[in-house]
Amino acid sequence: MVGARSEPGTVVLNRDLQPTRPAEVLAEVKDGSSKVTEVKLQFTHVPLEVVMENIGGTTWRAELTPRQLNML
């Protein structure tokens, strides 16, 4: 992976603990020796794995659901 960022940088929840905006992670992923066909987002201390979607070129996106955000 070349780089990753979350959008928004901080997730804001409403009174019902739902995100006020969609929470997503964008990543630039490259492999110099082969084509990247699958990318998964994994968290270090949480048993959560999210399959990312290629949205063009080397850019991959994962949108986190309210349930997944609750796990974090």
C-alpha atoms as a PDB file:
ATOM      1  CA  MET A   1       0.000   0.000   0.000  1.00  0.00           C
ATOM      2  CA  VAL A   2       1.232   3.439  -0.875  1.00  0.00           C
ATOM      3  CA  GLY A   3      -1.066   5.521   1.341  1.00  0.00           C
ATOM      4  CA  ALA A   4      -4.419   5.576   3.125  1.00  0.00           C
ATOM      5  CA  ARG A   5      -6.756   8.209   4.497  1.00  0.00           C
ATOM      6  CA  SER A   6     -10.184   8.332   6.095  1.00  0.00           C
ATOM      7  CA  GLU A   7     -12.965  10.680   5.118  1.00  0.00           C
ATOM      8  CA  PRO A   8     -14.060  12.386   7.257  1.00  0.00           C
ATOM      9  CA  GLY A   9     -10.892  12.484   9.378  1.00  0.00           C
ATOM     10  CA  THR A  10     -13.056  12.256  12.517  1.00  0.00           C
ATOM     11  CA  VAL A  11     -16.369  10.388  12.542  1.00  0.00           C
ATOM     12  CA  VAL A  12     -19.143  12.349  14.254  1.00  0.00           C
ATOM     13  CA  LEU A  13     -22.125  10.410  15.633  1.00  0.00           C
ATOM     14  CA  ASN A  14     -25.633  11.713  16.264  1.00  0.00           C
ATOM     15  CA  ARG A  15     -27.749  10.998  19.375  1.00  0.00           C
ATOM     16  CA  ASP A  16     -28.648   7.569  17.993  1.00  0.00           C
ATOM     17  CA  LEU A  17     -24.933   6.778  17.604  1.00  0.00           C
ATOM     18  CA  GLN A  18     -25.231   6.864  13.826  1.00  0.00           C
ATOM     19  CA  PRO A  19     -22.604   8.653  11.721  1.00  0.00           C
ATOM     20  CA  THR A  20     -23.673  12.088  10.492  1.00  0.00           C
ATOM     21  CA  ARG A  21     -21.752  11.472   7.225  1.00  0.00           C
ATOM     22  CA  PRO A  22     -20.688   8.245   5.538  1.00  0.00           C
ATOM     23  CA  ALA A  23     -17.342   7.045   6.885  1.00  0.00           C
ATOM     24  CA  GLU A  24     -14.945   5.703   4.316  1.00  0.00           C
ATOM     25  CA  VAL A  25     -11.321   4.753   3.973  1.00  0.00           C
ATOM     26  CA  LEU A  26      -9.479   5.426   0.719  1.00  0.00           C
ATOM     27  CA  ALA A  27      -6.210   3.684  -0.100  1.00  0.00           C
ATOM     28  CA  GLU A  28      -3.721   3.873  -2.937  1.00  0.00           C
ATOM     29  CA  VAL A  29      -2.515   0.304  -3.502  1.00  0.00           C
ATOM     30  CA  LYS A  30       0.219  -0.758  -5.920  1.00  0.00           C
ATOM     31  CA  ASP A  31       2.225  -3.921  -6.508  1.00  0.00           C
ATOM     32  CA  GLY A  32       5.193  -3.618  -8.820  1.00  0.00           C
ATOM     33  CA  SER A  33       5.149  -7.274  -9.853  1.00  0.00           C
ATOM     34  CA  SER A  34       1.451  -8.102 -10.380  1.00  0.00           C
ATOM     35  CA  LYS A  35      -2.028  -6.613 -10.752  1.00  0.00           C
ATOM     36  CA  VAL A  36      -3.894  -5.999  -7.490  1.00  0.00           C
ATOM     37  CA  THR A  37      -7.264  -7.791  -7.651  1.00  0.00           C
ATOM     38  CA  GLU A  38      -8.426  -7.646  -4.019  1.00  0.00           C
ATOM     39  CA  VAL A  39      -7.794  -5.354  -1.067  1.00  0.00           C
ATOM     40  CA  LYS A  40      -9.040  -5.877   2.499  1.00  0.00           C
ATOM     41  CA  LEU A  41      -9.019  -3.331   5.311  1.00  0.00           C
ATOM     42  CA  GLN A  42      -8.012  -4.889   8.632  1.00  0.00           C
ATOM     43  CA  PHE A  43      -7.816  -3.284  12.066  1.00  0.00           C
ATOM     44  CA  THR A  44      -5.052  -4.120  14.534  1.00  0.00           C
ATOM     45  CA  HIS A  45      -7.018  -4.552  17.778  1.00  0.00           C
ATOM     46  CA  VAL A  46     -10.522  -5.226  16.433  1.00  0.00           C
ATOM     47  CA  PRO A  47     -11.635  -8.435  14.703  1.00  0.00           C
ATOM     48  CA  LEU A  48     -12.959  -6.562  11.686  1.00  0.00           C
ATOM     49  CA  GLU A  49     -12.122  -7.029   8.023  1.00  0.00           C
ATOM     50  CA  VAL A  50     -13.735  -4.969   5.257  1.00  0.00           C
ATOM     51  CA  VAL A  51     -13.387  -5.765   1.554  1.00  0.00           C
ATOM     52  CA  MET A  52     -12.431  -2.664  -0.409  1.00  0.00           C
ATOM     53  CA  GLU A  53     -13.815  -1.692  -3.823  1.00  0.00           C
ATOM     54  CA  ASN A  54     -11.611  -0.486  -6.656  1.00  0.00           C
ATOM     55  CA  ILE A  55     -12.912   2.914  -7.709  1.00  0.00           C
ATOM     56  CA  GLY A  56     -10.360   3.506 -10.456  1.00  0.00           C
ATOM     57  CA  GLY A  57      -6.695   2.880 -11.150  1.00  0.00           C
ATOM     58  CA  THR A  58      -4.881   2.221  -7.881  1.00  0.00           C
ATOM     59  CA  THR A  59      -7.559   3.772  -5.632  1.00  0.00           C
ATOM     60  CA  TRP A  60      -9.603   1.489  -3.376  1.00  0.00           C
ATOM     61  CA  ARG A  61     -12.507   2.440  -1.088  1.00  0.00           C
ATOM     62  CA  ALA A  62     -14.228   0.884   1.917  1.00  0.00           C
ATOM     63  CA  GLU A  63     -17.362   2.445   3.386  1.00  0.00           C
ATOM     64  CA  LEU A  64     -17.860   1.546   7.033  1.00  0.00           C
ATOM     65  CA  THR A  65     -21.368   0.717   8.187  1.00  0.00           C
ATOM     66  CA  PRO A  66     -22.768   2.026  11.499  1.00  0.00           C
ATOM     67  CA  ARG A  67     -22.379  -1.491  12.922  1.00  0.00           C
ATOM     68  CA  GLN A  68     -18.717  -1.624  11.907  1.00  0.00           C
ATOM     69  CA  LEU A  69     -18.114   1.824  13.390  1.00  0.00           C
ATOM     70  CA  ASN A  70     -19.689   0.610  16.622  1.00  0.00           C
ATOM     71  CA  MET A  71     -17.151  -2.252  16.728  1.00  0.00           C
ATOM     72  CA  LEU A  72     -14.316   0.258  16.565  1.00  0.00           C
END
